[in-house]
């Protein structure tokens, strides 16, 4: 039971899809989870599996395209984390109004940079009762520096300085392929080329590229500075131990700074994208088993 619909965030039309459990009975108020995509913006390839799993286990679930991605309005492929936090919180408001949803039992689930933004959103809005952060960076600048040797970081900073000037003079940010702005190590491609292939067809979803401004905005964002504000609400961190996109240390630091109830679940031998069902169904199953147990514990009816 799924329905395509929309809501507004900062006056921008946001494309969303709602999943309702098949055993839902009219008049019920179910717990709900919003599943949030990362910086690549590939909602329709990666996020439905998470939402469908939750719906099969009794949760109303929602996925949406952040502003600028998919068929949502906004500047194309522009990632501004604080704007995305507002999109998430407006999605919470939208779910509160749905007749199928218990507004007192709404949780957030985010993958990659979506993990960072859902953590921040929960920290600043107590309406969120439960959080699952899958491989999200706690500090955008530390994360950006971890992906580049020193000499490449110097080059990047010079390019960002020039890009700031051009944005002022022309209103445009230089656009580059996602893999250039947010590089990942070769692990997943080398170790699981066949498994990775199904998702490759989505690499060209945004041929216009991604603005360099997105890197600068990511470097300003640090969910680790507010994660302690979530307690006494619950947060679960899930991370692959051989993550070549977001180092596992990011979740370890976030977990250390978070208040209870909290949990850190590490998946040995796996890389960043293997949390997606399309790439590694076994790792996906581990992610969702932990997620479901966490939601069952912390979104259950009083």
Protein backbone atom coordinates (compact mmCIF):
# COMPACT_ATOMS: atom_id res chain seq x y z
CA UNK A 1 0.00 0.00 0.00
CA UNK A 2 1.93 3.00 -1.27
CA UNK A 3 0.93 6.44 -2.42
CA UNK A 4 2.84 9.22 -4.15
CA UNK A 5 2.05 12.62 -2.69
CA UNK A 6 3.74 15.88 -1.75
CA UNK A 7 4.18 18.45 0.99
CA UNK A 8 5.84 21.86 1.14
CA UNK A 9 9.09 22.91 2.76
CA UNK A 10 10.08 26.58 2.72
CA UNK A 11 7.40 27.03 0.02
CA UNK A 12 9.02 24.36 -2.18
CA UNK A 13 6.98 21.37 -3.34
CA UNK A 14 8.55 18.18 -2.00
CA UNK A 15 7.90 14.84 -3.67
CA UNK A 16 7.12 12.04 -1.20
CA UNK A 17 5.87 8.47 -1.09
CA UNK A 18 3.89 7.00 1.78
CA UNK A 19 3.89 3.28 2.65
CA UNK A 20 1.07 1.93 4.82
CA UNK A 21 1.10 -1.62 6.28
CA UNK A 22 -1.20 -4.02 4.44
CA UNK A 23 -2.94 -4.95 7.70
CA UNK A 24 -3.77 -1.35 8.50
CA UNK A 25 -7.37 -0.82 9.60
CA UNK A 26 -9.08 2.53 9.08
CA UNK A 27 -9.08 4.57 12.26
CA UNK A 28 -5.87 3.08 13.64
CA UNK A 29 -2.96 5.30 14.65
CA UNK A 30 0.31 3.56 13.77
CA UNK A 31 3.88 4.52 14.64
CA UNK A 32 5.75 5.99 11.68
CA UNK A 33 9.32 6.30 10.41
CA UNK A 34 10.68 8.79 7.88
CA UNK A 35 13.52 7.35 5.78
CA UNK A 36 15.97 9.99 4.51
CA UNK A 37 18.38 9.70 1.59
CA UNK A 38 21.99 10.90 1.46
CA UNK A 39 23.87 13.46 -0.64
CA UNK A 40 23.62 11.52 -3.91
CA UNK A 41 19.84 12.03 -3.88
CA UNK A 42 18.98 8.62 -5.32
CA UNK A 43 15.80 8.11 -3.34
CA UNK A 44 14.08 5.75 -5.72
CA UNK A 45 16.90 3.24 -6.03
CA UNK A 46 18.02 3.04 -2.39
CA UNK A 47 15.25 4.13 0.00
CA UNK A 48 12.13 2.12 -0.96
CA UNK A 49 13.60 -1.12 0.40
CA UNK A 50 14.01 0.40 3.86
CA UNK A 51 10.50 1.87 3.84
CA UNK A 52 8.87 -1.32 2.54
CA UNK A 53 10.61 -3.40 5.21
CA UNK A 54 9.27 -1.14 7.94
CA UNK A 55 5.78 -1.18 6.43
CA UNK A 56 5.81 -4.99 6.35
CA UNK A 57 6.50 -4.90 10.07
CA UNK A 58 3.67 -2.56 11.00
CA UNK A 59 5.08 0.95 10.55
CA UNK A 60 3.77 3.70 8.33
CA UNK A 61 6.86 4.89 6.46
CA UNK A 62 7.67 7.89 4.32
CA UNK A 63 10.42 8.61 1.82
CA UNK A 64 10.89 11.92 0.03
CA UNK A 65 13.27 13.75 -2.26
CA UNK A 66 15.04 16.63 -0.58
CA UNK A 67 14.63 19.97 -2.32
CA UNK A 68 16.55 20.02 -5.58
CA UNK A 69 16.44 16.24 -6.10
CA UNK A 70 14.15 13.97 -8.08
CA UNK A 71 10.92 15.78 -8.85
CA UNK A 72 11.06 18.04 -5.80
CA UNK A 73 11.39 21.76 -6.41
CA UNK A 74 14.57 23.68 -5.64
CA UNK A 75 18.07 24.27 -7.03
CA UNK A 76 19.09 21.01 -8.69
CA UNK A 77 21.35 18.69 -6.65
CA UNK A 78 22.30 21.40 -4.17
CA UNK A 79 22.97 19.87 -0.75
CA UNK A 80 22.59 22.36 2.11
CA UNK A 81 22.31 20.29 5.31
CA UNK A 82 20.44 22.87 7.38
CA UNK A 83 17.87 23.23 4.60
CA UNK A 84 17.56 19.45 4.56
CA UNK A 85 16.98 19.47 8.31
CA UNK A 86 14.03 21.77 7.64
CA UNK A 87 12.77 19.37 4.96
CA UNK A 88 12.92 16.54 7.50
CA UNK A 89 11.07 18.49 10.18
CA UNK A 90 8.43 19.57 7.68
CA UNK A 91 8.05 15.90 6.79
CA UNK A 92 7.43 15.23 10.49
CA UNK A 93 4.68 17.85 10.49
CA UNK A 94 3.22 16.28 7.35
CA UNK A 95 3.12 12.84 8.97
CA UNK A 96 1.54 14.24 12.13
CA UNK A 97 -1.42 15.26 9.97
CA UNK A 98 -1.87 11.85 8.35
CA UNK A 99 -4.88 9.89 9.70
CA UNK A 100 -2.84 6.66 9.76
CA UNK A 101 -0.13 8.07 12.04
CA UNK A 102 0.18 8.45 15.80
CA UNK A 103 1.85 11.88 16.03
CA UNK A 104 3.42 10.92 19.35
CA UNK A 105 5.31 7.99 17.78
CA UNK A 106 7.38 9.29 14.86
CA UNK A 107 10.96 8.20 14.28
CA UNK A 108 13.71 9.07 11.80
CA UNK A 109 15.98 6.77 9.79
CA UNK A 110 18.79 8.20 7.66
CA UNK A 111 21.59 6.73 5.56
CA UNK A 112 24.99 8.31 4.86
CA UNK A 113 24.62 12.10 5.07
CA UNK A 114 20.95 11.43 5.72
CA UNK A 115 22.12 9.87 8.97
CA UNK A 116 23.76 13.13 9.95
CA UNK A 117 20.73 15.25 9.07
CA UNK A 118 18.21 13.05 10.89
CA UNK A 119 20.43 13.17 13.98
CA UNK A 120 20.53 16.95 13.84
CA UNK A 121 16.78 17.16 13.22
CA UNK A 122 16.02 14.98 16.24
CA UNK A 123 18.36 17.04 18.40
CA UNK A 124 16.48 20.26 17.69
CA UNK A 125 12.90 18.91 17.69
CA UNK A 126 11.51 16.78 20.50
CA UNK A 127 8.65 15.56 18.33
CA UNK A 128 11.12 12.94 17.04
CA UNK A 129 10.98 10.01 19.46
CA UNK A 130 13.51 7.61 17.97
CA UNK A 131 16.50 7.89 15.59
CA UNK A 132 18.54 5.45 13.48
CA UNK A 133 21.70 6.93 11.95
CA UNK A 134 23.28 4.61 9.37
CA UNK A 135 26.87 5.58 8.51
CA UNK A 136 26.40 9.33 8.90
CA UNK A 137 29.33 11.73 9.42
CA UNK A 138 29.34 13.54 12.75
CA UNK A 139 31.58 16.39 11.58
CA UNK A 140 31.46 17.49 7.95
CA UNK A 141 34.89 19.11 7.88
CA UNK A 142 36.62 16.14 9.50
CA UNK A 143 34.78 13.83 7.10
CA UNK A 144 35.77 15.90 4.06
CA UNK A 145 39.42 15.95 5.13
CA UNK A 146 39.40 12.20 5.74
CA UNK A 147 38.67 11.60 2.07
CA UNK A 148 41.60 13.56 0.63
CA UNK A 149 45.37 13.74 1.14
CA UNK A 150 46.71 17.08 2.33
CA UNK A 151 47.72 18.36 -1.11
CA UNK A 152 44.27 17.59 -2.54
CA UNK A 153 42.67 19.37 0.41
CA UNK A 154 44.73 22.49 -0.30
CA UNK A 155 43.57 22.34 -3.93
CA UNK A 156 39.95 21.87 -2.85
CA UNK A 157 40.07 24.86 -0.51
CA UNK A 158 41.46 27.06 -3.30
CA UNK A 159 38.71 25.86 -5.64
CA UNK A 160 36.03 26.53 -3.04
CA UNK A 161 37.36 30.05 -2.54
CA UNK A 162 37.10 30.73 -6.27
CA UNK A 163 33.65 29.12 -6.37
CA UNK A 164 32.41 31.47 -3.64
CA UNK A 165 33.49 34.41 -5.79
CA UNK A 166 31.77 33.02 -8.87
CA UNK A 167 28.56 32.39 -6.95
CA UNK A 168 28.51 36.05 -5.96
CA UNK A 169 29.29 37.28 -9.47
CA UNK A 170 27.23 34.82 -11.52
CA UNK A 171 24.80 33.11 -9.14
CA UNK A 172 26.21 29.73 -10.23
CA UNK A 173 28.38 27.13 -8.53
CA UNK A 174 30.73 24.95 -10.54
CA UNK A 175 29.25 21.48 -11.02
CA UNK A 176 31.18 18.23 -10.90
CA UNK A 177 30.31 14.51 -10.82
CA UNK A 178 29.26 13.17 -7.44
CA UNK A 179 32.27 10.86 -7.23
CA UNK A 180 34.61 13.84 -7.59
CA UNK A 181 32.98 15.93 -4.87
CA UNK A 182 32.32 13.03 -2.49
CA UNK A 183 34.90 10.34 -3.34
CA UNK A 184 34.65 6.78 -2.12
CA UNK A 185 37.46 4.22 -1.98
CA UNK A 186 37.53 1.38 -4.53
CA UNK A 187 36.57 -1.35 -2.05
CA UNK A 188 32.98 -1.97 -3.04
CA UNK A 189 33.63 -1.74 -6.77
CA UNK A 190 36.57 -4.15 -6.58
CA UNK A 191 35.15 -6.65 -4.11
CA UNK A 192 31.57 -6.77 -5.33
CA UNK A 193 31.47 -5.59 -8.92
CA UNK A 194 28.58 -7.88 -9.80
CA UNK A 195 26.52 -6.85 -6.78
CA UNK A 196 27.23 -3.18 -7.41
CA UNK A 197 26.09 -3.36 -11.04
CA UNK A 198 22.32 -3.02 -10.45
CA UNK A 199 22.78 0.41 -8.90
CA UNK A 200 25.15 1.66 -11.61
CA UNK A 201 22.26 2.57 -13.90
CA UNK A 202 21.40 5.35 -11.47
CA UNK A 203 24.85 6.94 -11.60
CA UNK A 204 23.63 9.14 -14.44
CA UNK A 205 20.44 10.29 -12.72
CA UNK A 206 21.79 13.83 -12.38
CA UNK A 207 23.86 14.51 -15.51
CA UNK A 208 24.12 18.20 -14.61
CA UNK A 209 26.45 17.26 -11.76
CA UNK A 210 26.53 18.54 -8.19
CA UNK A 211 27.51 22.10 -7.18
CA UNK A 212 30.81 22.58 -5.38
CA UNK A 213 28.85 24.65 -2.88
CA UNK A 214 27.57 21.34 -1.49
CA UNK A 215 31.05 20.44 -0.23
CA UNK A 216 31.43 23.79 1.50
CA UNK A 217 28.01 23.43 3.14
CA UNK A 218 28.83 19.89 4.28
CA UNK A 219 32.01 21.16 5.94
CA UNK A 220 29.99 23.63 8.03
CA UNK A 221 27.68 20.90 9.36
CA UNK A 222 28.46 18.99 12.55
CA UNK A 223 25.68 16.87 14.02
CA UNK A 224 28.10 15.79 16.77
CA UNK A 225 27.70 19.23 18.38
CA UNK A 226 24.01 18.65 19.09
CA UNK A 227 23.65 14.87 19.33
CA UNK A 228 23.66 15.03 23.15
CA UNK A 229 20.38 16.97 23.00
CA UNK A 230 18.47 13.91 21.78
CA UNK A 231 18.56 12.16 25.18
CA UNK A 232 16.44 10.89 26.84
CA UNK A 233 15.05 9.98 23.42
CA UNK A 234 16.76 7.02 21.76
CA UNK A 235 19.41 6.92 19.03
CA UNK A 236 20.96 3.92 17.27
CA UNK A 237 24.15 4.22 15.23
CA UNK A 238 24.85 1.57 12.58
CA UNK A 239 28.11 1.57 10.64
CA UNK A 240 30.08 -0.74 8.36
CA UNK A 241 33.56 -1.31 9.74
CA UNK A 242 35.33 -1.14 6.35
CA UNK A 243 33.50 1.99 5.21
CA UNK A 244 35.44 3.81 2.49
CA UNK A 245 32.91 6.63 2.17
CA UNK A 246 32.34 7.65 5.80
CA UNK A 247 34.98 6.32 8.23
CA UNK A 248 33.56 4.20 11.04
CA UNK A 249 35.17 6.59 13.53
CA UNK A 250 32.41 9.08 12.73
CA UNK A 251 29.75 6.89 14.35
CA UNK A 252 32.05 5.99 17.23
CA UNK A 253 32.51 9.68 18.06
CA UNK A 254 28.78 10.37 17.71
CA UNK A 255 27.92 7.44 19.97
CA UNK A 256 30.39 8.64 22.59
CA UNK A 257 28.85 12.12 22.60
CA UNK A 258 25.23 10.94 22.63
CA UNK A 259 23.25 10.46 25.80
CA UNK A 260 21.33 7.31 26.74
CA UNK A 261 19.47 5.41 25.50
CA UNK A 262 21.97 4.79 22.73
CA UNK A 263 23.56 1.91 20.86
CA UNK A 264 26.40 1.43 18.38
CA UNK A 265 26.09 -1.55 16.02
CA UNK A 266 29.08 -2.29 13.78
CA UNK A 267 28.97 -4.60 10.75
CA UNK A 268 32.37 -6.26 10.16
CA UNK A 269 33.84 -6.66 6.68
CA UNK A 270 31.32 -4.43 4.90
CA UNK A 271 31.68 -1.16 2.97
CA UNK A 272 29.45 1.92 2.91
CA UNK A 273 27.06 1.09 0.08
CA UNK A 274 26.58 -2.50 1.19
CA UNK A 275 23.85 -1.36 3.58
CA UNK A 276 21.62 -1.04 0.52
CA UNK A 277 19.58 -4.12 -0.38
CA UNK A 278 20.37 -3.65 -4.07
CA UNK A 279 24.07 -4.11 -3.32
CA UNK A 280 24.28 -6.55 -0.39
CA UNK A 281 21.04 -8.13 0.80
CA UNK A 282 22.74 -9.78 3.79
CA UNK A 283 24.12 -6.54 5.16
CA UNK A 284 20.80 -4.82 4.49
CA UNK A 285 19.07 -7.53 6.52
CA UNK A 286 21.39 -6.88 9.48
CA UNK A 287 20.71 -3.14 9.27
CA UNK A 288 16.97 -3.66 9.24
CA UNK A 289 16.92 -6.28 11.99
CA UNK A 290 18.69 -3.83 14.29
CA UNK A 291 16.50 -0.94 13.12
CA UNK A 292 13.28 -2.86 13.66
CA UNK A 293 14.30 -3.99 17.14
CA UNK A 294 15.21 -0.40 18.05
CA UNK A 295 11.94 1.02 16.74
CA UNK A 296 9.92 -1.73 18.42
CA UNK A 297 11.57 -0.83 21.72
CA UNK A 298 11.34 2.94 21.47
CA UNK A 299 8.29 3.64 19.31
CA UNK A 300 6.02 1.13 21.00
CA UNK A 301 2.78 2.35 22.54
CA UNK A 302 2.99 3.45 26.15
